[in-house]
């Protein structure tokens, strides 16, 4: 009566754990391309994806700042496709936020949002970042922020 079960340890080996979700994102991108819906990625999609990445790689306080920044941006811009976000909208958001909170909080939220959009470029949801400042706008940007800060 030898009803012993023989176990092969090789069957229990798993592939390395994909903590950053690279494989899942790759499959999701391929699926969206097949469905021809790649251009319909919206702000909440980026928020979910970037928060999942941030929770795996960043401190909890940073994740809270990121989540608040995306909430504020959705309050300002509503639920629009990522491809419709442009530089003027980003600057308008910064000015809008500056009227509601102090300059330090505005800067932290804007930096968190900018990092989220840079992440969208990294995972190939966008071709280029929309929050970059070109050299000709940087001077005007500083003047605008200075005026907004002084009028508060």
C-alpha atoms as a PDB file:
ATOM      1  CA  UNK A   1       0.000   0.000   0.000  1.00  0.00           C
ATOM      2  CA  UNK A   2       2.186   2.724  -1.215  1.00  0.00           C
ATOM      3  CA  UNK A   3      -0.169   5.500  -2.232  1.00  0.00           C
ATOM      4  CA  UNK A   4       2.440   8.115  -1.773  1.00  0.00           C
ATOM      5  CA  UNK A   5       2.172  11.240  -3.802  1.00  0.00           C
ATOM      6  CA  UNK A   6       5.371  12.271  -5.464  1.00  0.00           C
ATOM      7  CA  UNK A   7       5.843  15.985  -5.803  1.00  0.00           C
ATOM      8  CA  UNK A   8       8.051  17.574  -8.323  1.00  0.00           C
ATOM      9  CA  UNK A   9       9.414  20.815  -6.917  1.00  0.00           C
ATOM     10  CA  UNK A  10       9.899  22.206 -10.392  1.00  0.00           C
ATOM     11  CA  UNK A  11       6.125  22.413 -10.837  1.00  0.00           C
ATOM     12  CA  UNK A  12       5.849  24.769  -7.880  1.00  0.00           C
ATOM     13  CA  UNK A  13       8.359  27.284  -9.131  1.00  0.00           C
ATOM     14  CA  UNK A  14       6.882  30.545 -10.193  1.00  0.00           C
ATOM     15  CA  UNK A  15       8.131  33.268 -12.374  1.00  0.00           C
ATOM     16  CA  UNK A  16       9.518  36.290 -10.522  1.00  0.00           C
ATOM     17  CA  UNK A  17       6.854  38.518  -9.018  1.00  0.00           C
ATOM     18  CA  UNK A  18       6.135  41.540 -11.174  1.00  0.00           C
ATOM     19  CA  UNK A  19       5.854  44.161  -8.414  1.00  0.00           C
ATOM     20  CA  UNK A  20       5.710  47.091 -10.777  1.00  0.00           C
ATOM     21  CA  UNK A  21       3.021  45.553 -12.970  1.00  0.00           C
ATOM     22  CA  UNK A  22       5.035  45.878 -16.178  1.00  0.00           C
ATOM     23  CA  UNK A  23       3.599  42.708 -17.697  1.00  0.00           C
ATOM     24  CA  UNK A  24       0.029  43.688 -16.818  1.00  0.00           C
ATOM     25  CA  UNK A  25       0.468  47.158 -18.327  1.00  0.00           C
ATOM     26  CA  UNK A  26       2.036  45.701 -21.451  1.00  0.00           C
ATOM     27  CA  UNK A  27      -0.919  43.363 -21.947  1.00  0.00           C
ATOM     28  CA  UNK A  28      -3.366  46.201 -21.289  1.00  0.00           C
ATOM     29  CA  UNK A  29      -1.657  48.428 -23.878  1.00  0.00           C
ATOM     30  CA  UNK A  30      -1.700  45.654 -26.464  1.00  0.00           C
ATOM     31  CA  UNK A  31      -5.367  45.015 -25.772  1.00  0.00           C
ATOM     32  CA  UNK A  32      -6.274  48.695 -26.141  1.00  0.00           C
ATOM     33  CA  UNK A  33      -4.335  48.932 -29.379  1.00  0.00           C
ATOM     34  CA  UNK A  34      -6.220  45.929 -30.731  1.00  0.00           C
ATOM     35  CA  UNK A  35      -9.518  47.537 -29.794  1.00  0.00           C
ATOM     36  CA  UNK A  36      -8.428  50.846 -31.352  1.00  0.00           C
ATOM     37  CA  UNK A  37      -9.250  52.651 -28.119  1.00  0.00           C
ATOM     38  CA  UNK A  38      -5.711  53.666 -27.280  1.00  0.00           C
ATOM     39  CA  UNK A  39      -6.453  57.370 -27.650  1.00  0.00           C
ATOM     40  CA  UNK A  40      -9.419  57.250 -25.269  1.00  0.00           C
ATOM     41  CA  UNK A  41      -7.373  56.895 -22.087  1.00  0.00           C
ATOM     42  CA  UNK A  42      -8.795  59.319 -19.559  1.00  0.00           C
ATOM     43  CA  UNK A  43      -7.448  61.133 -16.504  1.00  0.00           C
ATOM     44  CA  UNK A  44      -8.937  58.641 -13.981  1.00  0.00           C
ATOM     45  CA  UNK A  45      -7.175  55.804 -15.848  1.00  0.00           C
ATOM     46  CA  UNK A  46      -3.845  57.572 -15.438  1.00  0.00           C
ATOM     47  CA  UNK A  47      -4.669  58.322 -11.808  1.00  0.00           C
ATOM     48  CA  UNK A  48      -5.334  54.649 -11.026  1.00  0.00           C
ATOM     49  CA  UNK A  49      -2.252  53.448 -12.881  1.00  0.00           C
ATOM     50  CA  UNK A  50       0.105  56.033 -11.400  1.00  0.00           C
ATOM     51  CA  UNK A  51      -1.239  55.522  -7.869  1.00  0.00           C
ATOM     52  CA  UNK A  52      -0.714  51.762  -8.172  1.00  0.00           C
ATOM     53  CA  UNK A  53       2.867  52.398  -9.294  1.00  0.00           C
ATOM     54  CA  UNK A  54       3.406  54.989  -6.553  1.00  0.00           C
ATOM     55  CA  UNK A  55       2.065  52.784  -3.773  1.00  0.00           C
ATOM     56  CA  UNK A  56       4.600  50.129  -4.752  1.00  0.00           C
ATOM     57  CA  UNK A  57       7.534  52.540  -5.009  1.00  0.00           C
ATOM     58  CA  UNK A  58       6.908  55.642  -2.903  1.00  0.00           C
ATOM     59  CA  UNK A  59       6.072  56.657   0.652  1.00  0.00           C
ATOM     60  CA  UNK A  60       2.449  56.795   1.778  1.00  0.00           C
ATOM     61  CA  UNK A  61       2.544  60.584   2.326  1.00  0.00           C
ATOM     62  CA  UNK A  62       3.710  61.046  -1.259  1.00  0.00           C
ATOM     63  CA  UNK A  63       0.847  58.866  -2.487  1.00  0.00           C
ATOM     64  CA  UNK A  64      -1.629  61.045  -0.597  1.00  0.00           C
ATOM     65  CA  UNK A  65      -0.223  64.163  -2.272  1.00  0.00           C
ATOM     66  CA  UNK A  66      -0.496  62.465  -5.665  1.00  0.00           C
ATOM     67  CA  UNK A  67      -4.086  61.442  -5.036  1.00  0.00           C
ATOM     68  CA  UNK A  68      -5.059  64.949  -3.891  1.00  0.00           C
ATOM     69  CA  UNK A  69      -3.344  66.481  -6.933  1.00  0.00           C
ATOM     70  CA  UNK A  70      -5.317  64.257  -9.308  1.00  0.00           C
ATOM     71  CA  UNK A  71      -8.569  64.976  -7.447  1.00  0.00           C
ATOM     72  CA  UNK A  72      -7.965  68.715  -7.783  1.00  0.00           C
ATOM     73  CA  UNK A  73      -7.061  68.362 -11.452  1.00  0.00           C
ATOM     74  CA  UNK A  74     -10.244  66.401 -12.141  1.00  0.00           C
ATOM     75  CA  UNK A  75     -12.202  69.080 -10.275  1.00  0.00           C
ATOM     76  CA  UNK A  76     -10.643  71.659 -12.598  1.00  0.00           C
ATOM     77  CA  UNK A  77     -10.604  69.781 -15.911  1.00  0.00           C
ATOM     78  CA  UNK A  78     -13.296  67.137 -15.315  1.00  0.00           C
ATOM     79  CA  UNK A  79     -13.060  63.704 -16.939  1.00  0.00           C
ATOM     80  CA  UNK A  80     -11.330  64.367 -20.246  1.00  0.00           C
ATOM     81  CA  UNK A  81      -9.052  62.206 -22.410  1.00  0.00           C
ATOM     82  CA  UNK A  82      -5.337  62.571 -21.757  1.00  0.00           C
ATOM     83  CA  UNK A  83      -4.774  63.682 -25.324  1.00  0.00           C
ATOM     84  CA  UNK A  84      -6.898  66.808 -24.694  1.00  0.00           C
ATOM     85  CA  UNK A  85      -4.690  68.058 -21.851  1.00  0.00           C
ATOM     86  CA  UNK A  86      -2.350  70.769 -23.072  1.00  0.00           C
ATOM     87  CA  UNK A  87       0.132  73.280 -21.716  1.00  0.00           C
ATOM     88  CA  UNK A  88      -2.458  76.068 -21.425  1.00  0.00           C
ATOM     89  CA  UNK A  89      -4.723  73.803 -19.362  1.00  0.00           C
ATOM     90  CA  UNK A  90      -1.807  72.958 -17.055  1.00  0.00           C
ATOM     91  CA  UNK A  91      -1.013  76.634 -16.539  1.00  0.00           C
ATOM     92  CA  UNK A  92      -4.695  77.416 -15.997  1.00  0.00           C
ATOM     93  CA  UNK A  93      -4.836  74.665 -13.389  1.00  0.00           C
ATOM     94  CA  UNK A  94      -1.819  76.130 -11.619  1.00  0.00           C
ATOM     95  CA  UNK A  95      -3.410  79.590 -11.518  1.00  0.00           C
ATOM     96  CA  UNK A  96      -6.767  78.115 -10.426  1.00  0.00           C
ATOM     97  CA  UNK A  97      -5.088  76.148  -7.645  1.00  0.00           C
ATOM     98  CA  UNK A  98      -3.059  79.143  -6.535  1.00  0.00           C
ATOM     99  CA  UNK A  99      -6.294  81.017  -5.825  1.00  0.00           C
ATOM    100  CA  UNK A 100      -7.451  78.240  -3.492  1.00  0.00           C
ATOM    101  CA  UNK A 101      -4.332  77.126  -1.616  1.00  0.00           C
ATOM    102  CA  UNK A 102      -0.934  78.595  -0.758  1.00  0.00           C
ATOM    103  CA  UNK A 103       2.041  78.553  -3.127  1.00  0.00           C
ATOM    104  CA  UNK A 104       3.824  75.621  -1.480  1.00  0.00           C
ATOM    105  CA  UNK A 105       0.788  73.359  -1.743  1.00  0.00           C
ATOM    106  CA  UNK A 106       0.246  74.484  -5.333  1.00  0.00           C
ATOM    107  CA  UNK A 107       3.831  73.609  -6.182  1.00  0.00           C
ATOM    108  CA  UNK A 108       3.616  70.160  -4.525  1.00  0.00           C
ATOM    109  CA  UNK A 109       0.345  69.336  -6.297  1.00  0.00           C
ATOM    110  CA  UNK A 110       1.618  70.564  -9.637  1.00  0.00           C
ATOM    111  CA  UNK A 111       4.854  68.572  -9.310  1.00  0.00           C
ATOM    112  CA  UNK A 112       2.894  65.426  -8.414  1.00  0.00           C
ATOM    113  CA  UNK A 113       0.611  65.899 -11.409  1.00  0.00           C
ATOM    114  CA  UNK A 114       3.560  66.583 -13.686  1.00  0.00           C
ATOM    115  CA  UNK A 115       5.220  63.368 -12.495  1.00  0.00           C
ATOM    116  CA  UNK A 116       1.991  61.507 -13.272  1.00  0.00           C
ATOM    117  CA  UNK A 117       2.001  62.777 -16.833  1.00  0.00           C
ATOM    118  CA  UNK A 118       5.696  61.961 -17.196  1.00  0.00           C
ATOM    119  CA  UNK A 119       4.784  58.441 -16.078  1.00  0.00           C
ATOM    120  CA  UNK A 120       2.144  58.353 -18.849  1.00  0.00           C
ATOM    121  CA  UNK A 121       4.940  59.084 -21.326  1.00  0.00           C
ATOM    122  CA  UNK A 122       7.073  56.370 -19.741  1.00  0.00           C
ATOM    123  CA  UNK A 123       4.358  53.723 -20.165  1.00  0.00           C
ATOM    124  CA  UNK A 124       3.638  55.035 -23.673  1.00  0.00           C
ATOM    125  CA  UNK A 125       0.138  56.406 -23.064  1.00  0.00           C
ATOM    126  CA  UNK A 126       1.334  59.800 -24.289  1.00  0.00           C
ATOM    127  CA  UNK A 127       3.988  60.650 -26.832  1.00  0.00           C
ATOM    128  CA  UNK A 128       5.383  63.617 -24.917  1.00  0.00           C
ATOM    129  CA  UNK A 129       4.857  65.329 -21.608  1.00  0.00           C
ATOM    130  CA  UNK A 130       2.359  68.154 -21.671  1.00  0.00           C
ATOM    131  CA  UNK A 131       3.576  69.906 -18.553  1.00  0.00           C
ATOM    132  CA  UNK A 132       6.989  70.954 -19.798  1.00  0.00           C
ATOM    133  CA  UNK A 133       7.815  74.629 -19.918  1.00  0.00           C
ATOM    134  CA  UNK A 134       9.465  75.905 -23.053  1.00  0.00           C
ATOM    135  CA  UNK A 135      12.071  78.636 -22.686  1.00  0.00           C
ATOM    136  CA  UNK A 136       9.863  81.353 -24.186  1.00  0.00           C
ATOM    137  CA  UNK A 137       7.091  80.694 -21.668  1.00  0.00           C
ATOM    138  CA  UNK A 138       9.270  80.362 -18.588  1.00  0.00           C
ATOM    139  CA  UNK A 139       9.719  84.112 -18.113  1.00  0.00           C
ATOM    140  CA  UNK A 140       6.006  84.802 -18.642  1.00  0.00           C
ATOM    141  CA  UNK A 141       5.181  81.944 -16.301  1.00  0.00           C
ATOM    142  CA  UNK A 142       7.290  83.427 -13.500  1.00  0.00           C
ATOM    143  CA  UNK A 143       5.743  86.873 -14.008  1.00  0.00           C
ATOM    144  CA  UNK A 144       2.207  85.446 -14.001  1.00  0.00           C
ATOM    145  CA  UNK A 145       2.827  83.488 -10.800  1.00  0.00           C
ATOM    146  CA  UNK A 146       4.419  86.524  -9.169  1.00  0.00           C
ATOM    147  CA  UNK A 147       1.395  88.693 -10.024  1.00  0.00           C
ATOM    148  CA  UNK A 148      -1.039  86.045  -8.797  1.00  0.00           C
ATOM    149  CA  UNK A 149       0.864  85.662  -5.543  1.00  0.00           C
ATOM    150  CA  UNK A 150       0.918  89.440  -4.916  1.00  0.00           C
ATOM    151  CA  UNK A 151      -2.806  89.872  -5.648  1.00  0.00           C
ATOM    152  CA  UNK A 152      -3.854  87.328  -3.027  1.00  0.00           C
END
